[in-house]
Amino acid sequence: MIRFDPRVGLCVECRHSRRVDSAKGSTFWMCGLAATDPRFRKYPVLPVIRCSGHQPSDPVDRSGQP
């Protein structure tokens, strides 16, 4: 189960997103829809709270418990 992160928003659970960890220690979320649809940003500004392309991929733990 994926743990929801309010700093990231919808990208955490979206089937189109992919987490990218840089060599310098930064974390980015890449939107796969950007490759074929210009309405989407490759690296959206976080947190994403609304997205027309959002499709949940896995159950998300929104309890806030570690």
Foldseek 3Di string as FASTA:
>chain_A
DFEDDQFAALLSFFPQWDWDADPVGDIFIAGNVVVPDVVDDRTDHPRDHDDPRGDGDDDYDDPPDD
